[in-house]
Amino acid sequence: MEKEIMVLLKNIRKKNKISAKTVADAIGISVSTLYQYESEGTTTYRSLDIETFYRWCEALGKKPHVICATIWEKKHPRSHTSKAKRLATLRKKAYCDLTDEEKQFLLANS
């Protein structure tokens, strides 16, 4: 799960055009240390501790539980919020494009 968290944090930083220096300063680490966290799988990789994770989320303006939930939803697509999402998605599809399983799901939950 740590790898997925680091990939997500790095992607959020890049998508929002937040510099590595800005995040590193907010966390209280050097830029080279930040890159060690972001370089999962290399010999210079650093493992992420919970305190650094919290500060990193704060630096990106994200709540830690939202980051964790994002990872959870990717691995467990039928979680507590997925039924409503699935219904909404299936209702947008043309009836002829639905599988038998999808049709049964719609009938059972409509």
PDB file of N, CA and C in Angstrom:
ATOM      1  N   MET A   1       0.821  -1.197   0.000  1.00  0.00           N
ATOM      2  CA  MET A   1       0.000   0.000   0.000  1.00  0.00           C
ATOM      3  C   MET A   1       0.864   1.261   0.000  1.00  0.00           C
ATOM      4  N   GLU A   2       2.036   1.172   0.607  1.00  0.00           N
ATOM      5  CA  GLU A   2       2.916   2.342   0.658  1.00  0.00           C
ATOM      6  C   GLU A   2       3.285   2.823  -0.740  1.00  0.00           C
ATOM      7  N   LYS A   3       3.557   1.883  -1.624  1.00  0.00           N
ATOM      8  CA  LYS A   3       3.918   2.252  -3.001  1.00  0.00           C
ATOM      9  C   LYS A   3       2.786   3.037  -3.656  1.00  0.00           C
ATOM     10  N   GLU A   4       1.557   2.548  -3.501  1.00  0.00           N
ATOM     11  CA  GLU A   4       0.405   3.221  -4.092  1.00  0.00           C
ATOM     12  C   GLU A   4       0.214   4.619  -3.511  1.00  0.00           C
ATOM     13  N   ILE A   5       0.440   4.756  -2.211  1.00  0.00           N
ATOM     14  CA  ILE A   5       0.324   6.070  -1.568  1.00  0.00           C
ATOM     15  C   ILE A   5       1.360   7.026  -2.134  1.00  0.00           C
ATOM     16  N   MET A   6       2.597   6.560  -2.265  1.00  0.00           N
ATOM     17  CA  MET A   6       3.650   7.441  -2.769  1.00  0.00           C
ATOM     18  C   MET A   6       3.388   7.847  -4.218  1.00  0.00           C
ATOM     19  N   VAL A   7       2.918   6.907  -5.022  1.00  0.00           N
ATOM     20  CA  VAL A   7       2.598   7.231  -6.418  1.00  0.00           C
ATOM     21  C   VAL A   7       1.488   8.278  -6.450  1.00  0.00           C
ATOM     22  N   LEU A   8       0.466   8.097  -5.615  1.00  0.00           N
ATOM     23  CA  LEU A   8      -0.647   9.045  -5.577  1.00  0.00           C
ATOM     24  C   LEU A   8      -0.191  10.424  -5.103  1.00  0.00           C
ATOM     25  N   LEU A   9       0.612  10.482  -4.044  1.00  0.00           N
ATOM     26  CA  LEU A   9       1.113  11.766  -3.540  1.00  0.00           C
ATOM     27  C   LEU A   9       1.964  12.479  -4.591  1.00  0.00           C
ATOM     28  N   LYS A  10       2.811  11.720  -5.249  1.00  0.00           N
ATOM     29  CA  LYS A  10       3.660  12.300  -6.293  1.00  0.00           C
ATOM     30  C   LYS A  10       2.808  12.824  -7.448  1.00  0.00           C
ATOM     31  N   ASN A  11       1.810  12.041  -7.862  1.00  0.00           N
ATOM     32  CA  ASN A  11       0.939  12.458  -8.958  1.00  0.00           C
ATOM     33  C   ASN A  11       0.126  13.699  -8.598  1.00  0.00           C
ATOM     34  N   ILE A  12      -0.344  13.774  -7.369  1.00  0.00           N
ATOM     35  CA  ILE A  12      -1.092  14.957  -6.926  1.00  0.00           C
ATOM     36  C   ILE A  12      -0.183  16.177  -6.967  1.00  0.00           C
ATOM     37  N   ARG A  13       1.035  16.020  -6.477  1.00  0.00           N
ATOM     38  CA  ARG A  13       1.998  17.136  -6.469  1.00  0.00           C
ATOM     39  C   ARG A  13       2.244  17.628  -7.892  1.00  0.00           C
ATOM     40  N   LYS A  14       2.486  16.698  -8.807  1.00  0.00           N
ATOM     41  CA  LYS A  14       2.780  17.084 -10.194  1.00  0.00           C
ATOM     42  C   LYS A  14       1.543  17.644 -10.899  1.00  0.00           C
ATOM     43  N   LYS A  15       0.388  17.019 -10.677  1.00  0.00           N
ATOM     44  CA  LYS A  15      -0.842  17.487 -11.322  1.00  0.00           C
ATOM     45  C   LYS A  15      -1.174  18.918 -10.900  1.00  0.00           C
ATOM     46  N   ASN A  16      -0.965  19.224  -9.635  1.00  0.00           N
ATOM     47  CA  ASN A  16      -1.263  20.557  -9.117  1.00  0.00           C
ATOM     48  C   ASN A  16      -0.097  21.532  -9.267  1.00  0.00           C
ATOM     49  N   LYS A  17       0.949  21.071  -9.953  1.00  0.00           N
ATOM     50  CA  LYS A  17       2.136  21.895 -10.223  1.00  0.00           C
ATOM     51  C   LYS A  17       2.726  22.490  -8.951  1.00  0.00           C
ATOM     52  N   ILE A  18       2.824  21.643  -7.924  1.00  0.00           N
ATOM     53  CA  ILE A  18       3.444  22.035  -6.670  1.00  0.00           C
ATOM     54  C   ILE A  18       4.887  21.547  -6.722  1.00  0.00           C
ATOM     55  N   SER A  19       5.818  22.442  -6.504  1.00  0.00           N
ATOM     56  CA  SER A  19       7.228  22.064  -6.613  1.00  0.00           C
ATOM     57  C   SER A  19       7.632  21.127  -5.482  1.00  0.00           C
ATOM     58  N   ALA A  20       8.648  20.336  -5.762  1.00  0.00           N
ATOM     59  CA  ALA A  20       9.199  19.450  -4.750  1.00  0.00           C
ATOM     60  C   ALA A  20       9.730  20.263  -3.575  1.00  0.00           C
ATOM     61  N   LYS A  21      10.299  21.419  -3.851  1.00  0.00           N
ATOM     62  CA  LYS A  21      10.830  22.271  -2.788  1.00  0.00           C
ATOM     63  C   LYS A  21       9.720  22.756  -1.859  1.00  0.00           C
ATOM     64  N   THR A  22       8.585  23.132  -2.424  1.00  0.00           N
ATOM     65  CA  THR A  22       7.460  23.598  -1.619  1.00  0.00           C
ATOM     66  C   THR A  22       6.985  22.501  -0.664  1.00  0.00           C
ATOM     67  N   VAL A  23       6.832  21.301  -1.188  1.00  0.00           N
ATOM     68  CA  VAL A  23       6.385  20.182  -0.360  1.00  0.00           C
ATOM     69  C   VAL A  23       7.452  19.829   0.674  1.00  0.00           C
ATOM     70  N   ALA A  24       8.695  19.758   0.245  1.00  0.00           N
ATOM     71  CA  ALA A  24       9.790  19.419   1.159  1.00  0.00           C
ATOM     72  C   ALA A  24       9.884  20.434   2.303  1.00  0.00           C
ATOM     73  N   ASP A  25       9.775  21.714   1.974  1.00  0.00           N
ATOM     74  CA  ASP A  25       9.820  22.746   3.016  1.00  0.00           C
ATOM     75  C   ASP A  25       8.663  22.599   3.998  1.00  0.00           C
ATOM     76  N   ALA A  26       7.476  22.296   3.489  1.00  0.00           N
ATOM     77  CA  ALA A  26       6.310  22.138   4.355  1.00  0.00           C
ATOM     78  C   ALA A  26       6.431  20.919   5.269  1.00  0.00           C
ATOM     79  N   ILE A  27       7.063  19.881   4.753  1.00  0.00           N
ATOM     80  CA  ILE A  27       7.247  18.658   5.540  1.00  0.00           C
ATOM     81  C   ILE A  27       8.401  18.821   6.536  1.00  0.00           C
ATOM     82  N   GLY A  28       9.380  19.632   6.147  1.00  0.00           N
ATOM     83  CA  GLY A  28      10.560  19.812   6.989  1.00  0.00           C
ATOM     84  C   GLY A  28      11.691  18.878   6.615  1.00  0.00           C
ATOM     85  N   ILE A  29      11.773  18.567   5.315  1.00  0.00           N
ATOM     86  CA  ILE A  29      12.847  17.702   4.818  1.00  0.00           C
ATOM     87  C   ILE A  29      13.503  18.391   3.632  1.00  0.00           C
ATOM     88  N   SER A  30      14.632  17.842   3.200  1.00  0.00           N
ATOM     89  CA  SER A  30      15.292  18.400   2.021  1.00  0.00           C
ATOM     90  C   SER A  30      14.629  17.873   0.756  1.00  0.00           C
ATOM     91  N   VAL A  31      14.882  18.548  -0.345  1.00  0.00           N
ATOM     92  CA  VAL A  31      14.338  18.111  -1.634  1.00  0.00           C
ATOM     93  C   VAL A  31      14.897  16.741  -2.001  1.00  0.00           C
ATOM     94  N   SER A  32      16.168  16.505  -1.728  1.00  0.00           N
ATOM     95  CA  SER A  32      16.749  15.200  -2.061  1.00  0.00           C
ATOM     96  C   SER A  32      16.088  14.085  -1.250  1.00  0.00           C
ATOM     97  N   THR A  33      15.714  14.374  -0.008  1.00  0.00           N
ATOM     98  CA  THR A  33      15.002  13.381   0.803  1.00  0.00           C
ATOM     99  C   THR A  33      13.611  13.134   0.237  1.00  0.00           C
ATOM    100  N   LEU A  34      12.953  14.194  -0.208  1.00  0.00           N
ATOM    101  CA  LEU A  34      11.641  14.048  -0.831  1.00  0.00           C
ATOM    102  C   LEU A  34      11.744  13.138  -2.051  1.00  0.00           C
ATOM    103  N   TYR A  35      12.762  13.346  -2.869  1.00  0.00           N
ATOM    104  CA  TYR A  35      12.941  12.497  -4.051  1.00  0.00           C
ATOM    105  C   TYR A  35      13.230  11.050  -3.663  1.00  0.00           C
ATOM    106  N   GLN A  36      13.873  10.845  -2.521  1.00  0.00           N
ATOM    107  CA  GLN A  36      14.104   9.472  -2.059  1.00  0.00           C
ATOM    108  C   GLN A  36      12.773   8.792  -1.727  1.00  0.00           C
ATOM    109  N   TYR A  37      11.872   9.530  -1.123  1.00  0.00           N
ATOM    110  CA  TYR A  37      10.541   8.978  -0.861  1.00  0.00           C
ATOM    111  C   TYR A  37       9.812   8.673  -2.169  1.00  0.00           C
ATOM    112  N   GLU A  38       9.915   9.579  -3.119  1.00  0.00           N
ATOM    113  CA  GLU A  38       9.193   9.427  -4.382  1.00  0.00           C
ATOM    114  C   GLU A  38       9.808   8.397  -5.324  1.00  0.00           C
ATOM    115  N   SER A  39      11.029   7.979  -5.071  1.00  0.00           N
ATOM    116  CA  SER A  39      11.721   7.066  -5.985  1.00  0.00           C
ATOM    117  C   SER A  39      11.609   5.617  -5.522  1.00  0.00           C
ATOM    118  N   GLU A  40      10.406   5.153  -5.286  1.00  0.00           N
ATOM    119  CA  GLU A  40      10.163   3.790  -4.828  1.00  0.00           C
ATOM    120  C   GLU A  40      10.812   2.789  -5.769  1.00  0.00           C
ATOM    121  N   GLY A  41      11.460   1.806  -5.194  1.00  0.00           N
ATOM    122  CA  GLY A  41      12.061   0.759  -6.003  1.00  0.00           C
ATOM    123  C   GLY A  41      13.530   0.976  -6.330  1.00  0.00           C
ATOM    124  N   THR A  42      14.079   2.134  -5.971  1.00  0.00           N
ATOM    125  CA  THR A  42      15.491   2.369  -6.232  1.00  0.00           C
ATOM    126  C   THR A  42      16.295   2.120  -4.960  1.00  0.00           C
ATOM    127  N   THR A  43      17.593   2.148  -5.081  1.00  0.00           N
ATOM    128  CA  THR A  43      18.452   1.900  -3.925  1.00  0.00           C
ATOM    129  C   THR A  43      18.415   3.049  -2.919  1.00  0.00           C
ATOM    130  N   THR A  44      17.960   4.230  -3.345  1.00  0.00           N
ATOM    131  CA  THR A  44      17.912   5.384  -2.436  1.00  0.00           C
ATOM    132  C   THR A  44      16.529   5.578  -1.811  1.00  0.00           C
ATOM    133  N   TYR A  45      15.623   4.626  -2.042  1.00  0.00           N
ATOM    134  CA  TYR A  45      14.248   4.734  -1.562  1.00  0.00           C
ATOM    135  C   TYR A  45      14.176   4.830  -0.037  1.00  0.00           C
ATOM    136  N   ARG A  46      13.259   5.676   0.447  1.00  0.00           N
ATOM    137  CA  ARG A  46      12.984   5.796   1.882  1.00  0.00           C
ATOM    138  C   ARG A  46      11.567   5.346   2.147  1.00  0.00           C
ATOM    139  N   SER A  47      11.377   4.658   3.249  1.00  0.00           N
ATOM    140  CA  SER A  47      10.052   4.216   3.641  1.00  0.00           C
ATOM    141  C   SER A  47       9.300   5.368   4.303  1.00  0.00           C
ATOM    142  N   LEU A  48       8.017   5.454   4.053  1.00  0.00           N
ATOM    143  CA  LEU A  48       7.185   6.559   4.537  1.00  0.00           C
ATOM    144  C   LEU A  48       6.622   6.239   5.917  1.00  0.00           C
ATOM    145  N   ASP A  49       6.895   7.100   6.903  1.00  0.00           N
ATOM    146  CA  ASP A  49       6.303   6.917   8.224  1.00  0.00           C
ATOM    147  C   ASP A  49       5.019   7.733   8.313  1.00  0.00           C
ATOM    148  N   ILE A  50       4.188   7.438   9.293  1.00  0.00           N
ATOM    149  CA  ILE A  50       2.860   8.035   9.384  1.00  0.00           C
ATOM    150  C   ILE A  50       2.915   9.549   9.608  1.00  0.00           C
ATOM    151  N   GLU A  51       3.853  10.028  10.396  1.00  0.00           N
ATOM    152  CA  GLU A  51       3.952  11.472  10.645  1.00  0.00           C
ATOM    153  C   GLU A  51       4.307  12.227   9.365  1.00  0.00           C
ATOM    154  N   THR A  52       5.247  11.689   8.600  1.00  0.00           N
ATOM    155  CA  THR A  52       5.626  12.316   7.332  1.00  0.00           C
ATOM    156  C   THR A  52       4.458  12.267   6.353  1.00  0.00           C
ATOM    157  N   PHE A  53       3.742  11.146   6.348  1.00  0.00           N
ATOM    158  CA  PHE A  53       2.558  11.020   5.489  1.00  0.00           C
ATOM    159  C   PHE A  53       1.538  12.109   5.809  1.00  0.00           C
ATOM    160  N   TYR A  54       1.258  12.337   7.091  1.00  0.00           N
ATOM    161  CA  TYR A  54       0.299  13.372   7.490  1.00  0.00           C
ATOM    162  C   TYR A  54       0.767  14.759   7.058  1.00  0.00           C
ATOM    163  N   ARG A  55       2.036  15.059   7.290  1.00  0.00           N
ATOM    164  CA  ARG A  55       2.559  16.378   6.904  1.00  0.00           C
ATOM    165  C   ARG A  55       2.543  16.542   5.391  1.00  0.00           C
ATOM    166  N   TRP A  56       2.825  15.472   4.669  1.00  0.00           N
ATOM    167  CA  TRP A  56       2.826  15.505   3.208  1.00  0.00           C
ATOM    168  C   TRP A  56       1.416  15.808   2.697  1.00  0.00           C
ATOM    169  N   CYS A  57       0.439  15.128   3.248  1.00  0.00           N
ATOM    170  CA  CYS A  57      -0.961  15.382   2.859  1.00  0.00           C
ATOM    171  C   CYS A  57      -1.332  16.836   3.125  1.00  0.00           C
ATOM    172  N   GLU A  58      -0.939  17.338   4.272  1.00  0.00           N
ATOM    173  CA  GLU A  58      -1.223  18.727   4.619  1.00  0.00           C
ATOM    174  C   GLU A  58      -0.568  19.680   3.623  1.00  0.00           C
ATOM    175  N   ALA A  59       0.651  19.382   3.233  1.00  0.00           N
ATOM    176  CA  ALA A  59       1.367  20.227   2.270  1.00  0.00           C
ATOM    177  C   ALA A  59       0.663  20.253   0.909  1.00  0.00           C
ATOM    178  N   LEU A  60      -0.009  19.152   0.578  1.00  0.00           N
ATOM    179  CA  LEU A  60      -0.729  19.071  -0.701  1.00  0.00           C
ATOM    180  C   LEU A  60      -2.176  19.546  -0.584  1.00  0.00           C
ATOM    181  N   GLY A  61      -2.595  19.857   0.642  1.00  0.00           N
ATOM    182  CA  GLY A  61      -3.978  20.281   0.847  1.00  0.00           C
ATOM    183  C   GLY A  61      -4.966  19.132   0.763  1.00  0.00           C
ATOM    184  N   LYS A  62      -4.511  17.937   1.090  1.00  0.00           N
ATOM    185  CA  LYS A  62      -5.362  16.745   1.044  1.00  0.00           C
ATOM    186  C   LYS A  62      -5.480  16.151   2.439  1.00  0.00           C
ATOM    187  N   LYS A  63      -6.610  15.535   2.723  1.00  0.00           N
ATOM    188  CA  LYS A  63      -6.817  14.874   4.007  1.00  0.00           C
ATOM    189  C   LYS A  63      -6.278  13.452   3.913  1.00  0.00           C
ATOM    190  N   PRO A  64      -5.537  13.006   4.937  1.00  0.00           N
ATOM    191  CA  PRO A  64      -4.962  11.655   4.890  1.00  0.00           C
ATOM    192  C   PRO A  64      -5.993  10.557   4.651  1.00  0.00           C
ATOM    193  N   HIS A  65      -7.163  10.690   5.255  1.00  0.00           N
ATOM    194  CA  HIS A  65      -8.166   9.636   5.069  1.00  0.00           C
ATOM    195  C   HIS A  65      -8.695   9.607   3.629  1.00  0.00           C
ATOM    196  N   VAL A  66      -8.658  10.724   2.939  1.00  0.00           N
ATOM    197  CA  VAL A  66      -9.089  10.752   1.543  1.00  0.00           C
ATOM    198  C   VAL A  66      -8.055  10.029   0.669  1.00  0.00           C
ATOM    199  N   ILE A  67      -6.782  10.250   0.973  1.00  0.00           N
ATOM    200  CA  ILE A  67      -5.711   9.549   0.244  1.00  0.00           C
ATOM    201  C   ILE A  67      -5.861   8.045   0.444  1.00  0.00           C
ATOM    202  N   CYS A  68      -6.042   7.621   1.691  1.00  0.00           N
ATOM    203  CA  CYS A  68      -6.194   6.188   1.985  1.00  0.00           C
ATOM    204  C   CYS A  68      -7.453   5.624   1.340  1.00  0.00           C
ATOM    205  N   ALA A  69      -8.547   6.386   1.371  1.00  0.00           N
ATOM    206  CA  ALA A  69      -9.797   5.923   0.762  1.00  0.00           C
ATOM    207  C   ALA A  69      -9.650   5.765  -0.748  1.00  0.00           C
ATOM    208  N   THR A  70      -8.894   6.659  -1.362  1.00  0.00           N
ATOM    209  CA  THR A  70      -8.663   6.569  -2.808  1.00  0.00           C
ATOM    210  C   THR A  70      -7.971   5.255  -3.152  1.00  0.00           C
ATOM    211  N   ILE A  71      -6.956   4.910  -2.368  1.00  0.00           N
ATOM    212  CA  ILE A  71      -6.236   3.648  -2.573  1.00  0.00           C
ATOM    213  C   ILE A  71      -7.181   2.471  -2.313  1.00  0.00           C
ATOM    214  N   TRP A  72      -7.953   2.558  -1.232  1.00  0.00           N
ATOM    215  CA  TRP A  72      -8.878   1.486  -0.869  1.00  0.00           C
ATOM    216  C   TRP A  72      -9.890   1.241  -1.984  1.00  0.00           C
ATOM    217  N   GLU A  73     -10.478   2.305  -2.516  1.00  0.00           N
ATOM    218  CA  GLU A  73     -11.488   2.176  -3.554  1.00  0.00           C
ATOM    219  C   GLU A  73     -10.930   1.523  -4.819  1.00  0.00           C
ATOM    220  N   LYS A  74      -9.663   1.790  -5.122  1.00  0.00           N
ATOM    221  CA  LYS A  74      -9.056   1.167  -6.300  1.00  0.00           C
ATOM    222  C   LYS A  74      -8.914  -0.339  -6.113  1.00  0.00           C
ATOM    223  N   LYS A  75      -8.609  -0.764  -4.883  1.00  0.00           N
ATOM    224  CA  LYS A  75      -8.397  -2.183  -4.613  1.00  0.00           C
ATOM    225  C   LYS A  75      -9.690  -2.916  -4.270  1.00  0.00           C
ATOM    226  N   HIS A  76     -10.690  -2.195  -3.789  1.00  0.00           N
ATOM    227  CA  HIS A  76     -11.950  -2.802  -3.352  1.00  0.00           C
ATOM    228  C   HIS A  76     -13.123  -2.057  -3.993  1.00  0.00           C
ATOM    229  N   PRO A  77     -13.352  -2.259  -5.274  1.00  0.00           N
ATOM    230  CA  PRO A  77     -14.347  -1.467  -5.993  1.00  0.00           C
ATOM    231  C   PRO A  77     -15.785  -1.670  -5.533  1.00  0.00           C
ATOM    232  N   ARG A  78     -16.053  -2.668  -4.755  1.00  0.00           N
ATOM    233  CA  ARG A  78     -17.424  -2.886  -4.280  1.00  0.00           C
ATOM    234  C   ARG A  78     -17.546  -2.521  -2.801  1.00  0.00           C
ATOM    235  N   SER A  79     -16.954  -1.425  -2.426  1.00  0.00           N
ATOM    236  CA  SER A  79     -17.020  -0.975  -1.043  1.00  0.00           C
ATOM    237  C   SER A  79     -18.355  -0.307  -0.763  1.00  0.00           C
ATOM    238  N   HIS A  80     -18.499   0.300   0.387  1.00  0.00           N
ATOM    239  CA  HIS A  80     -19.762   0.872   0.853  1.00  0.00           C
ATOM    240  C   HIS A  80     -20.359   1.930  -0.088  1.00  0.00           C
ATOM    241  N   THR A  81     -19.548   2.605  -0.874  1.00  0.00           N
ATOM    242  CA  THR A  81     -20.071   3.639  -1.771  1.00  0.00           C
ATOM    243  C   THR A  81     -20.252   3.140  -3.203  1.00  0.00           C
ATOM    244  N   SER A  82     -19.785   1.957  -3.488  1.00  0.00           N
ATOM    245  CA  SER A  82     -19.775   1.488  -4.874  1.00  0.00           C
ATOM    246  C   SER A  82     -21.151   1.111  -5.417  1.00  0.00           C
ATOM    247  N   LYS A  83     -22.074   0.662  -4.566  1.00  0.00           N
ATOM    248  CA  LYS A  83     -23.383   0.250  -5.064  1.00  0.00           C
ATOM    249  C   LYS A  83     -24.087   1.427  -5.747  1.00  0.00           C
ATOM    250  N   ALA A  84     -24.090   2.570  -5.100  1.00  0.00           N
ATOM    251  CA  ALA A  84     -24.727   3.753  -5.688  1.00  0.00           C
ATOM    252  C   ALA A  84     -24.015   4.177  -6.965  1.00  0.00           C
ATOM    253  N   LYS A  85     -22.686   4.131  -6.950  1.00  0.00           N
ATOM    254  CA  LYS A  85     -21.914   4.503  -8.135  1.00  0.00           C
ATOM    255  C   LYS A  85     -22.200   3.544  -9.289  1.00  0.00           C
ATOM    256  N   ARG A  86     -22.265   2.254  -8.959  1.00  0.00           N
ATOM    257  CA  ARG A  86     -22.510   1.259 -10.003  1.00  0.00           C
ATOM    258  C   ARG A  86     -23.901   1.458 -10.605  1.00  0.00           C
ATOM    259  N   LEU A  87     -24.892   1.695  -9.754  1.00  0.00           N
ATOM    260  CA  LEU A  87     -26.239   1.944 -10.258  1.00  0.00           C
ATOM    261  C   LEU A  87     -26.269   3.147 -11.188  1.00  0.00           C
ATOM    262  N   ALA A  88     -25.609   4.220 -10.769  1.00  0.00           N
ATOM    263  CA  ALA A  88     -25.580   5.432 -11.594  1.00  0.00           C
ATOM    264  C   ALA A  88     -24.909   5.167 -12.935  1.00  0.00           C
ATOM    265  N   THR A  89     -23.826   4.422 -12.926  1.00  0.00           N
ATOM    266  CA  THR A  89     -23.096   4.102 -14.154  1.00  0.00           C
ATOM    267  C   THR A  89     -23.942   3.230 -15.082  1.00  0.00           C
ATOM    268  N   LEU A  90     -24.577   2.215 -14.502  1.00  0.00           N
ATOM    269  CA  LEU A  90     -25.378   1.303 -15.323  1.00  0.00           C
ATOM    270  C   LEU A  90     -26.607   1.989 -15.904  1.00  0.00           C
ATOM    271  N   ARG A  91     -27.176   2.918 -15.175  1.00  0.00           N
ATOM    272  CA  ARG A  91     -28.362   3.628 -15.672  1.00  0.00           C
ATOM    273  C   ARG A  91     -28.039   4.522 -16.870  1.00  0.00           C
ATOM    274  N   LYS A  92     -26.796   4.862 -17.033  1.00  0.00           N
ATOM    275  CA  LYS A  92     -26.370   5.693 -18.162  1.00  0.00           C
ATOM    276  C   LYS A  92     -26.138   4.872 -19.431  1.00  0.00           C
ATOM    277  N   LYS A  93     -25.939   3.566 -19.258  1.00  0.00           N
ATOM    278  CA  LYS A  93     -25.672   2.702 -20.405  1.00  0.00           C
ATOM    279  C   LYS A  93     -26.958   2.383 -21.157  1.00  0.00           C
ATOM    280  N   ALA A  94     -26.827   2.148 -22.438  1.00  0.00           N
ATOM    281  CA  ALA A  94     -27.968   1.697 -23.236  1.00  0.00           C
ATOM    282  C   ALA A  94     -28.330   0.280 -22.809  1.00  0.00           C
ATOM    283  N   TYR A  95     -29.620  -0.011 -22.768  1.00  0.00           N
ATOM    284  CA  TYR A  95     -30.079  -1.327 -22.302  1.00  0.00           C
ATOM    285  C   TYR A  95     -29.448  -2.464 -23.103  1.00  0.00           C
ATOM    286  N   CYS A  96     -29.321  -2.274 -24.395  1.00  0.00           N
ATOM    287  CA  CYS A  96     -28.757  -3.326 -25.245  1.00  0.00           C
ATOM    288  C   CYS A  96     -27.272  -3.581 -24.958  1.00  0.00           C
ATOM    289  N   ASP A  97     -26.598  -2.625 -24.294  1.00  0.00           N
ATOM    290  CA  ASP A  97     -25.183  -2.786 -23.978  1.00  0.00           C
ATOM    291  C   ASP A  97     -24.944  -3.440 -22.619  1.00  0.00           C
ATOM    292  N   LEU A  98     -26.012  -3.657 -21.855  1.00  0.00           N
ATOM    293  CA  LEU A  98     -25.872  -4.255 -20.524  1.00  0.00           C
ATOM    294  C   LEU A  98     -25.698  -5.767 -20.615  1.00  0.00           C
ATOM    295  N   THR A  99     -24.860  -6.301 -19.732  1.00  0.00           N
ATOM    296  CA  THR A  99     -24.732  -7.759 -19.637  1.00  0.00           C
ATOM    297  C   THR A  99     -25.917  -8.288 -18.834  1.00  0.00           C
ATOM    298  N   ASP A 100     -26.125  -9.595 -18.856  1.00  0.00           N
ATOM    299  CA  ASP A 100     -27.206 -10.187 -18.071  1.00  0.00           C
ATOM    300  C   ASP A 100     -27.017  -9.903 -16.580  1.00  0.00           C
ATOM    301  N   GLU A 101     -25.789  -9.983 -16.127  1.00  0.00           N
ATOM    302  CA  GLU A 101     -25.487  -9.708 -14.712  1.00  0.00           C
ATOM    303  C   GLU A 101     -25.827  -8.270 -14.359  1.00  0.00           C
ATOM    304  N   GLU A 102     -25.495  -7.333 -15.252  1.00  0.00           N
ATOM    305  CA  GLU A 102     -25.798  -5.919 -15.008  1.00  0.00           C
ATOM    306  C   GLU A 102     -27.307  -5.672 -14.993  1.00  0.00           C
ATOM    307  N   LYS A 103     -28.035  -6.335 -15.869  1.00  0.00           N
ATOM    308  CA  LYS A 103     -29.494  -6.206 -15.893  1.00  0.00           C
ATOM    309  C   LYS A 103     -30.100  -6.726 -14.591  1.00  0.00           C
ATOM    310  N   GLN A 104     -29.605  -7.855 -14.112  1.00  0.00           N
ATOM    311  CA  GLN A 104     -30.092  -8.414 -12.854  1.00  0.00           C
ATOM    312  C   GLN A 104     -29.786  -7.483 -11.684  1.00  0.00           C
ATOM    313  N   PHE A 105     -28.602  -6.909 -11.699  1.00  0.00           N
ATOM    314  CA  PHE A 105     -28.221  -5.981 -10.643  1.00  0.00           C
ATOM    315  C   PHE A 105     -29.162  -4.781 -10.642  1.00  0.00           C
ATOM    316  N   LEU A 106     -29.464  -4.230 -11.807  1.00  0.00           N
ATOM    317  CA  LEU A 106     -30.386  -3.101 -11.904  1.00  0.00           C
ATOM    318  C   LEU A 106     -31.782  -3.463 -11.412  1.00  0.00           C
ATOM    319  N   LEU A 107     -32.272  -4.620 -11.820  1.00  0.00           N
ATOM    320  CA  LEU A 107     -33.607  -5.042 -11.402  1.00  0.00           C
ATOM    321  C   LEU A 107     -33.660  -5.242  -9.885  1.00  0.00           C
ATOM    322  N   ALA A 108     -32.637  -5.828  -9.320  1.00  0.00           N
ATOM    323  CA  ALA A 108     -32.612  -6.107  -7.894  1.00  0.00           C
ATOM    324  C   ALA A 108     -32.459  -4.843  -7.046  1.00  0.00           C
ATOM    325  N   ASN A 109     -31.915  -3.792  -7.627  1.00  0.00           N
ATOM    326  CA  ASN A 109     -31.623  -2.588  -6.838  1.00  0.00           C
ATOM    327  C   ASN A 109     -32.392  -1.355  -7.291  1.00  0.00           C
ATOM    328  N   SER A 110     -33.398  -1.522  -8.120  1.00  0.00           N
ATOM    329  CA  SER A 110     -34.180  -0.363  -8.575  1.00  0.00           C
ATOM    330  C   SER A 110     -35.509  -0.278  -7.869  1.00  0.00           C
TER     331      SER A 110
END
